[in-house]
C-alpha atoms as a PDB file:
ATOM      1  CA  MET A   1      17.559   3.976  -9.279  1.00  0.00           C
ATOM      2  CA  GLU A   2      17.907   0.394  -8.093  1.00  0.00           C
ATOM      3  CA  HIS A   3      15.002  -0.923  -6.047  1.00  0.00           C
ATOM      4  CA  LEU A   4      15.977  -3.554  -3.492  1.00  0.00           C
ATOM      5  CA  LYS A   5      13.634  -6.555  -3.508  1.00  0.00           C
ATOM      6  CA  ILE A   6      14.254  -9.328  -0.984  1.00  0.00           C
ATOM      7  CA  PHE A   7      11.649 -12.088  -1.131  1.00  0.00           C
ATOM      8  CA  GLN A   8      10.155 -12.899   2.277  1.00  0.00           C
ATOM      9  CA  SER A   9       7.746 -15.639   3.309  1.00  0.00           C
ATOM     10  CA  ARG A  10       5.838 -16.370   6.526  1.00  0.00           C
ATOM     11  CA  VAL A  11       3.350 -19.075   7.454  1.00  0.00           C
ATOM     12  CA  ILE A  12       0.306 -18.446   9.653  1.00  0.00           C
ATOM     13  CA  SER A  13      -1.094 -21.681  11.091  1.00  0.00           C
ATOM     14  CA  ARG A  14      -4.815 -21.860  10.484  1.00  0.00           C
ATOM     15  CA  THR A  15      -7.516 -24.484   9.978  1.00  0.00           C
ATOM     16  CA  PRO A  16      -8.328 -25.878   7.438  1.00  0.00           C
ATOM     17  CA  ASN A  17      -5.372 -24.408   5.499  1.00  0.00           C
ATOM     18  CA  ASP A  18      -2.323 -22.480   6.614  1.00  0.00           C
ATOM     19  CA  LEU A  19      -1.944 -18.980   5.222  1.00  0.00           C
ATOM     20  CA  VAL A  20       1.257 -17.912   3.513  1.00  0.00           C
ATOM     21  CA  LEU A  21       2.408 -14.285   3.535  1.00  0.00           C
ATOM     22  CA  GLU A  22       5.010 -13.516   0.887  1.00  0.00           C
ATOM     23  CA  GLY A  23       6.560 -10.858  -1.251  1.00  0.00           C
ATOM     24  CA  PRO A  24       7.652  -9.043  -3.207  1.00  0.00           C
ATOM     25  CA  VAL A  25       6.152 -11.700  -5.487  1.00  0.00           C
ATOM     26  CA  PRO A  26       7.573 -11.758  -9.046  1.00  0.00           C
ATOM     27  CA  SER A  27       5.091 -11.798 -11.915  1.00  0.00           C
ATOM     28  CA  ASP A  28       5.902 -15.338 -13.063  1.00  0.00           C
ATOM     29  CA  ARG A  29       5.149 -16.705  -9.608  1.00  0.00           C
ATOM     30  CA  LEU A  30       2.060 -14.531  -9.333  1.00  0.00           C
ATOM     31  CA  ARG A  31       0.635 -16.002 -12.540  1.00  0.00           C
ATOM     32  CA  THR A  32       0.456 -19.459 -10.908  1.00  0.00           C
ATOM     33  CA  TYR A  33      -2.063 -18.187  -8.344  1.00  0.00           C
ATOM     34  CA  THR A  34      -5.778 -17.399  -8.495  1.00  0.00           C
ATOM     35  CA  MET A  35      -7.754 -14.536  -7.027  1.00  0.00           C
ATOM     36  CA  HIS A  36     -10.349 -14.921  -4.263  1.00  0.00           C
ATOM     37  CA  PRO A  37     -13.743 -13.892  -5.717  1.00  0.00           C
ATOM     38  CA  ASP A  38     -14.344 -11.408  -2.865  1.00  0.00           C
ATOM     39  CA  LEU A  39     -11.337  -9.291  -3.840  1.00  0.00           C
ATOM     40  CA  ASP A  40     -13.436  -6.824  -5.815  1.00  0.00           C
ATOM     41  CA  ALA A  41     -13.069  -3.537  -3.951  1.00  0.00           C
ATOM     42  CA  PHE A  42     -11.241  -1.769  -6.796  1.00  0.00           C
ATOM     43  CA  ARG A  43     -12.274  -3.729  -9.883  1.00  0.00           C
ATOM     44  CA  ARG A  44     -13.450  -7.214 -10.803  1.00  0.00           C
ATOM     45  CA  PRO A  45     -11.138  -9.936  -9.413  1.00  0.00           C
ATOM     46  CA  LYS A  46      -9.871 -11.012 -12.838  1.00  0.00           C
ATOM     47  CA  GLU A  47      -9.036  -7.440 -13.816  1.00  0.00           C
ATOM     48  CA  GLN A  48      -7.425  -6.740 -10.462  1.00  0.00           C
ATOM     49  CA  PHE A  49      -5.326  -9.894 -10.803  1.00  0.00           C
ATOM     50  CA  GLU A  50      -4.054  -8.646 -14.161  1.00  0.00           C
ATOM     51  CA  ALA A  51      -3.261  -5.284 -12.559  1.00  0.00           C
ATOM     52  CA  LEU A  52      -1.243  -7.025  -9.832  1.00  0.00           C
ATOM     53  CA  ILE A  53       0.796  -8.845 -12.474  1.00  0.00           C
ATOM     54  CA  GLU A  54       1.497  -5.560 -14.267  1.00  0.00           C
ATOM     55  CA  ILE A  55       2.661  -3.939 -11.021  1.00  0.00           C
ATOM     56  CA  ALA A  56       4.893  -6.921 -10.214  1.00  0.00           C
ATOM     57  CA  GLU A  57       6.619  -6.452 -13.582  1.00  0.00           C
ATOM     58  CA  LEU A  58       7.545  -2.827 -12.849  1.00  0.00           C
ATOM     59  CA  PRO A  59      11.124  -2.183 -11.666  1.00  0.00           C
ATOM     60  CA  GLU A  60       9.801  -0.437  -8.556  1.00  0.00           C
ATOM     61  CA  GLY A  61       6.600  -2.488  -8.245  1.00  0.00           C
ATOM     62  CA  ARG A  62       5.965  -4.708  -5.240  1.00  0.00           C
ATOM     63  CA  ILE A  63       3.140  -7.120  -4.555  1.00  0.00           C
ATOM     64  CA  ILE A  64       2.898  -8.464  -1.018  1.00  0.00           C
ATOM     65  CA  LEU A  65       0.181 -11.079  -0.642  1.00  0.00           C
ATOM     66  CA  ALA A  66      -1.538 -13.543   1.634  1.00  0.00           C
ATOM     67  CA  ARG A  67      -2.667 -16.828   0.118  1.00  0.00           C
ATOM     68  CA  SER A  68      -4.442 -20.008   1.090  1.00  0.00           C
ATOM     69  CA  GLU A  69      -2.813 -22.735  -0.976  1.00  0.00           C
ATOM     70  CA  GLN A  70      -2.749 -21.151  -4.477  1.00  0.00           C
ATOM     71  CA  GLN A  71      -5.558 -18.634  -3.898  1.00  0.00           C
ATOM     72  CA  ILE A  72      -4.731 -15.010  -3.102  1.00  0.00           C
ATOM     73  CA  VAL A  73      -6.844 -13.841  -0.150  1.00  0.00           C
ATOM     74  CA  GLY A  74      -5.194 -10.473   0.450  1.00  0.00           C
ATOM     75  CA  TYR A  75      -2.622  -8.153  -1.099  1.00  0.00           C
ATOM     76  CA  VAL A  76      -0.807  -4.838  -0.796  1.00  0.00           C
ATOM     77  CA  THR A  77       0.665  -2.934  -3.748  1.00  0.00           C
ATOM     78  CA  PHE A  78       3.634  -0.565  -3.969  1.00  0.00           C
ATOM     79  CA  HIS A  79       4.485   1.423  -7.106  1.00  0.00           C
ATOM     80  CA  TYR A  80       5.280   4.876  -8.444  1.00  0.00           C
ATOM     81  CA  PRO A  81       2.355   7.318  -8.235  1.00  0.00           C
ATOM     82  CA  ASP A  82       0.083   7.560 -11.260  1.00  0.00           C
ATOM     83  CA  GLU A  83       1.397  10.068 -13.792  1.00  0.00           C
ATOM     84  CA  LEU A  84      -1.957  11.874 -13.743  1.00  0.00           C
ATOM     85  CA  GLU A  85      -1.752  12.541  -9.992  1.00  0.00           C
ATOM     86  CA  ARG A  86      -0.025  15.392  -8.198  1.00  0.00           C
ATOM     87  CA  TRP A  87       2.421  13.015  -6.501  1.00  0.00           C
ATOM     88  CA  SER A  88       4.198  12.255  -9.777  1.00  0.00           C
ATOM     89  CA  GLU A  89       4.855  15.920 -10.561  1.00  0.00           C
ATOM     90  CA  GLY A  90       8.252  15.996  -8.881  1.00  0.00           C
ATOM     91  CA  GLY A  91       9.566  13.188 -11.085  1.00  0.00           C
ATOM     92  CA  MET A  92      11.006  11.546  -7.973  1.00  0.00           C
ATOM     93  CA  GLU A  93      12.586   8.118  -8.370  1.00  0.00           C
ATOM     94  CA  ASP A  94      12.586   7.668  -4.597  1.00  0.00           C
ATOM     95  CA  LEU A  95       8.885   8.348  -3.977  1.00  0.00           C
ATOM     96  CA  ILE A  96       6.798   5.167  -3.784  1.00  0.00           C
ATOM     97  CA  GLU A  97       3.064   4.887  -3.219  1.00  0.00           C
ATOM     98  CA  LEU A  98       1.570   2.260  -0.965  1.00  0.00           C
ATOM     99  CA  GLY A  99      -1.508   1.824  -3.108  1.00  0.00           C
ATOM    100  CA  ALA A 100      -4.213  -0.777  -2.698  1.00  0.00           C
ATOM    101  CA  ILE A 101      -4.759  -2.870   0.435  1.00  0.00           C
ATOM    102  CA  GLU A 102      -7.442  -5.524   0.285  1.00  0.00           C
ATOM    103  CA  VAL A 103      -8.336  -8.654   2.265  1.00  0.00           C
ATOM    104  CA  ALA A 104     -11.144 -11.061   1.344  1.00  0.00           C
ATOM    105  CA  ASP A 105     -14.146 -10.843   3.668  1.00  0.00           C
ATOM    106  CA  GLU A 106     -13.747 -14.239   5.351  1.00  0.00           C
ATOM    107  CA  TYR A 107     -10.092 -13.510   6.203  1.00  0.00           C
ATOM    108  CA  ARG A 108     -10.630 -10.149   7.860  1.00  0.00           C
ATOM    109  CA  GLY A 109      -9.922  -9.801  11.552  1.00  0.00           C
ATOM    110  CA  LEU A 110      -6.692 -11.812  11.322  1.00  0.00           C
ATOM    111  CA  GLY A 111      -4.405  -8.807  11.092  1.00  0.00           C
ATOM    112  CA  LEU A 112      -3.347  -9.702   7.551  1.00  0.00           C
ATOM    113  CA  GLY A 113      -3.182  -6.100   6.366  1.00  0.00           C
ATOM    114  CA  LYS A 114      -0.744  -5.193   9.140  1.00  0.00           C
ATOM    115  CA  LYS A 115       1.340  -8.339   8.643  1.00  0.00           C
ATOM    116  CA  MET A 116       1.616  -7.809   4.868  1.00  0.00           C
ATOM    117  CA  ILE A 117       2.675  -4.181   5.228  1.00  0.00           C
ATOM    118  CA  GLN A 118       5.245  -5.026   7.887  1.00  0.00           C
ATOM    119  CA  LEU A 119       6.701  -7.744   5.673  1.00  0.00           C
ATOM    120  CA  ALA A 120       7.194  -5.200   2.887  1.00  0.00           C
ATOM    121  CA  PHE A 121       9.506  -3.087   5.076  1.00  0.00           C
ATOM    122  CA  GLU A 122      11.673  -5.938   6.383  1.00  0.00           C
ATOM    123  CA  ASP A 123      15.432  -6.009   5.759  1.00  0.00           C
ATOM    124  CA  GLY A 124      15.530  -2.279   5.040  1.00  0.00           C
ATOM    125  CA  GLN A 125      14.005  -2.726   1.601  1.00  0.00           C
ATOM    126  CA  LEU A 126      12.331   0.682   1.621  1.00  0.00           C
ATOM    127  CA  GLU A 127      14.876   2.730   3.561  1.00  0.00           C
ATOM    128  CA  ASN A 128      16.057   4.553   0.421  1.00  0.00           C
ATOM    129  CA  VAL A 129      12.594   5.832  -0.535  1.00  0.00           C
ATOM    130  CA  ILE A 130       9.779   7.992   0.758  1.00  0.00           C
ATOM    131  CA  THR A 131       6.705   5.779   1.054  1.00  0.00           C
ATOM    132  CA  PHE A 132       3.323   7.482   1.087  1.00  0.00           C
ATOM    133  CA  THR A 133      -0.315   6.534   0.996  1.00  0.00           C
ATOM    134  CA  THR A 134      -3.409   8.637   0.362  1.00  0.00           C
ATOM    135  CA  GLU A 135      -6.442   7.617   2.394  1.00  0.00           C
ATOM    136  CA  TYR A 136      -9.819   8.604   0.939  1.00  0.00           C
ATOM    137  CA  TYR A 137     -12.991   7.764   2.819  1.00  0.00           C
ATOM    138  CA  TRP A 138     -14.838   6.858  -0.390  1.00  0.00           C
ATOM    139  CA  HIS A 139     -12.491   3.877  -0.846  1.00  0.00           C
ATOM    140  CA  TRP A 140     -13.266   2.477   2.600  1.00  0.00           C
ATOM    141  CA  ASP A 141     -15.582  -0.483   3.067  1.00  0.00           C
ATOM    142  CA  LEU A 142     -17.773   1.144   5.702  1.00  0.00           C
ATOM    143  CA  GLU A 143     -20.750  -1.114   5.034  1.00  0.00           C
ATOM    144  CA  LYS A 144     -19.052  -4.485   5.549  1.00  0.00           C
ATOM    145  CA  SER A 145     -16.808  -3.258   8.354  1.00  0.00           C
ATOM    146  CA  GLY A 146     -19.663  -1.788  10.379  1.00  0.00           C
ATOM    147  CA  LEU A 147     -17.449   1.198  11.206  1.00  0.00           C
ATOM    148  CA  ASN A 148     -18.265   4.841  10.754  1.00  0.00           C
ATOM    149  CA  VAL A 149     -15.922   7.068   8.772  1.00  0.00           C
ATOM    150  CA  TRP A 150     -13.953   8.221  11.832  1.00  0.00           C
ATOM    151  CA  GLN A 151     -13.541   4.721  13.233  1.00  0.00           C
ATOM    152  CA  TYR A 152     -12.307   3.511   9.847  1.00  0.00           C
ATOM    153  CA  ARG A 153      -9.894   6.455   9.613  1.00  0.00           C
ATOM    154  CA  GLU A 154      -8.543   5.558  13.065  1.00  0.00           C
ATOM    155  CA  MET A 155      -8.117   1.928  11.988  1.00  0.00           C
ATOM    156  CA  MET A 156      -6.219   2.904   8.825  1.00  0.00           C
ATOM    157  CA  GLU A 157      -4.023   5.367  10.696  1.00  0.00           C
ATOM    158  CA  LYS A 158      -3.157   2.704  13.268  1.00  0.00           C
ATOM    159  CA  LEU A 159      -2.361   0.269  10.459  1.00  0.00           C
ATOM    160  CA  MET A 160       0.058   2.703   8.811  1.00  0.00           C
ATOM    161  CA  LYS A 161       1.677   3.629  12.099  1.00  0.00           C
ATOM    162  CA  SER A 162       2.658  -0.045  12.491  1.00  0.00           C
ATOM    163  CA  VAL A 163       5.430   0.670   9.946  1.00  0.00           C
ATOM    164  CA  ASP A 164       6.152   4.185  11.271  1.00  0.00           C
ATOM    165  CA  MET A 165       4.121   6.037   8.673  1.00  0.00           C
ATOM    166  CA  VAL A 166       2.837   9.329  10.097  1.00  0.00           C
ATOM    167  CA  TRP A 167       0.297  11.970   9.138  1.00  0.00           C
ATOM    168  CA  PHE A 168       1.626  14.730   6.856  1.00  0.00           C
ATOM    169  CA  ALA A 169      -0.140  17.948   5.954  1.00  0.00           C
ATOM    170  CA  THR A 170      -0.872  18.817   2.319  1.00  0.00           C
ATOM    171  CA  ASP A 171      -2.945  21.256   0.293  1.00  0.00           C
ATOM    172  CA  ASP A 172      -3.965  18.537  -2.188  1.00  0.00           C
ATOM    173  CA  PRO A 173      -7.628  19.297  -3.068  1.00  0.00           C
ATOM    174  CA  GLU A 174      -8.803  15.682  -2.960  1.00  0.00           C
ATOM    175  CA  ILE A 175      -7.379  15.074   0.481  1.00  0.00           C
ATOM    176  CA  CYS A 176      -8.632  18.429   1.724  1.00  0.00           C
ATOM    177  CA  SER A 177     -12.133  17.733   0.376  1.00  0.00           C
ATOM    178  CA  HIS A 178     -13.068  15.769   3.517  1.00  0.00           C
ATOM    179  CA  PRO A 179     -11.530  15.910   7.009  1.00  0.00           C
ATOM    180  CA  ALA A 180     -11.344  12.108   7.248  1.00  0.00           C
ATOM    181  CA  ASN A 181      -9.030  11.902   4.230  1.00  0.00           C
ATOM    182  CA  CYS A 182      -5.334  11.964   5.010  1.00  0.00           C
ATOM    183  CA  LEU A 183      -1.779  11.632   3.721  1.00  0.00           C
ATOM    184  CA  MET A 184       0.470   9.171   5.572  1.00  0.00           C
ATOM    185  CA  VAL A 185       4.219   9.147   4.944  1.00  0.00           C
ATOM    186  CA  ARG A 186       7.355   7.267   5.958  1.00  0.00           C
ATOM    187  CA  ILE A 187      10.731   8.775   5.094  1.00  0.00           C
ATOM    188  CA  GLY A 188      13.366   6.056   4.827  1.00  0.00           C
ATOM    189  CA  THR A 189      16.542   6.474   6.851  1.00  0.00           C
ATOM    190  CA  ASN A 190      18.681   6.703   3.688  1.00  0.00           C
ATOM    191  CA  VAL A 191      16.587   9.323   1.885  1.00  0.00           C
ATOM    192  CA  PRO A 192      18.590  12.506   1.160  1.00  0.00           C
ATOM    193  CA  LEU A 193      17.397  15.889   2.388  1.00  0.00           C
ATOM    194  CA  SER A 194      17.032  17.058  -1.234  1.00  0.00           C
ATOM    195  CA  SER A 195      14.309  14.427  -1.787  1.00  0.00           C
ATOM    196  CA  VAL A 196      12.502  15.422   1.395  1.00  0.00           C
ATOM    197  CA  GLU A 197      12.523  19.044   0.230  1.00  0.00           C
ATOM    198  CA  GLN A 198      11.280  18.032  -3.219  1.00  0.00           C
ATOM    199  CA  PHE A 199       8.437  16.072  -1.625  1.00  0.00           C
ATOM    200  CA  ASP A 200       7.530  19.160   0.413  1.00  0.00           C
ATOM    201  CA  ARG A 201       7.206  21.116  -2.831  1.00  0.00           C
ATOM    202  CA  VAL A 202       4.937  18.396  -4.248  1.00  0.00           C
ATOM    203  CA  ARG A 203       2.610  18.175  -1.264  1.00  0.00           C
ATOM    204  CA  PHE A 204       2.272  21.957  -0.996  1.00  0.00           C
ATOM    205  CA  ARG A 205       1.680  24.011  -4.110  1.00  0.00           C
ATOM    206  CA  GLN A 206       1.122  27.088  -1.928  1.00  0.00           C
ATOM    207  CA  ARG A 207       4.645  27.611  -0.614  1.00  0.00           C
ATOM    208  CA  PHE A 208       3.626  29.759   2.322  1.00  0.00           C
ATOM    209  CA  MET A 209       2.028  26.665   3.906  1.00  0.00           C
ATOM    210  CA  TYR A 210       5.319  24.996   4.824  1.00  0.00           C
END
């Protein structure tokens, strides 16, 4: 399956340095940047930077980022689901996971997460795939945000709805383990019905539930 990648770039005027939103960023360009030291929500910044490069090298991989000069201050990843997770069981070439979203502390409150995600969907780049994200409360930065689990869930749901992702039911044990966890999905306009039906079989192992 061919994955359409159309590089986009936007400038946000800001003092002392403008911010640049861009992506999908190819790995060779990505290597010329550095990682903000606060981008450590998933792993140490150096290790996460290496992970971003690996994702950018994948045929389906997409890295959308925000940077101040050459320093990455926020990013969003898109890639196939991990082969150890339920979502890979259908072997679907048109199922893409919106994975990590992270913004450095001092750049929060600028709407960068929303702007990066919206950039990823421009020019119909993801209309031929089902895009999904799994939201788990244990990944949320409740301490720094000052939000409780339900407020954070509402914030994440609003963020995903900005690109028309909606809540989908599932019997996945991890998602069902806490009521704040959720599955958000966007079905591209060019996705065939057969893929939608296959995704239904992946998200529900107990067939009577759909």
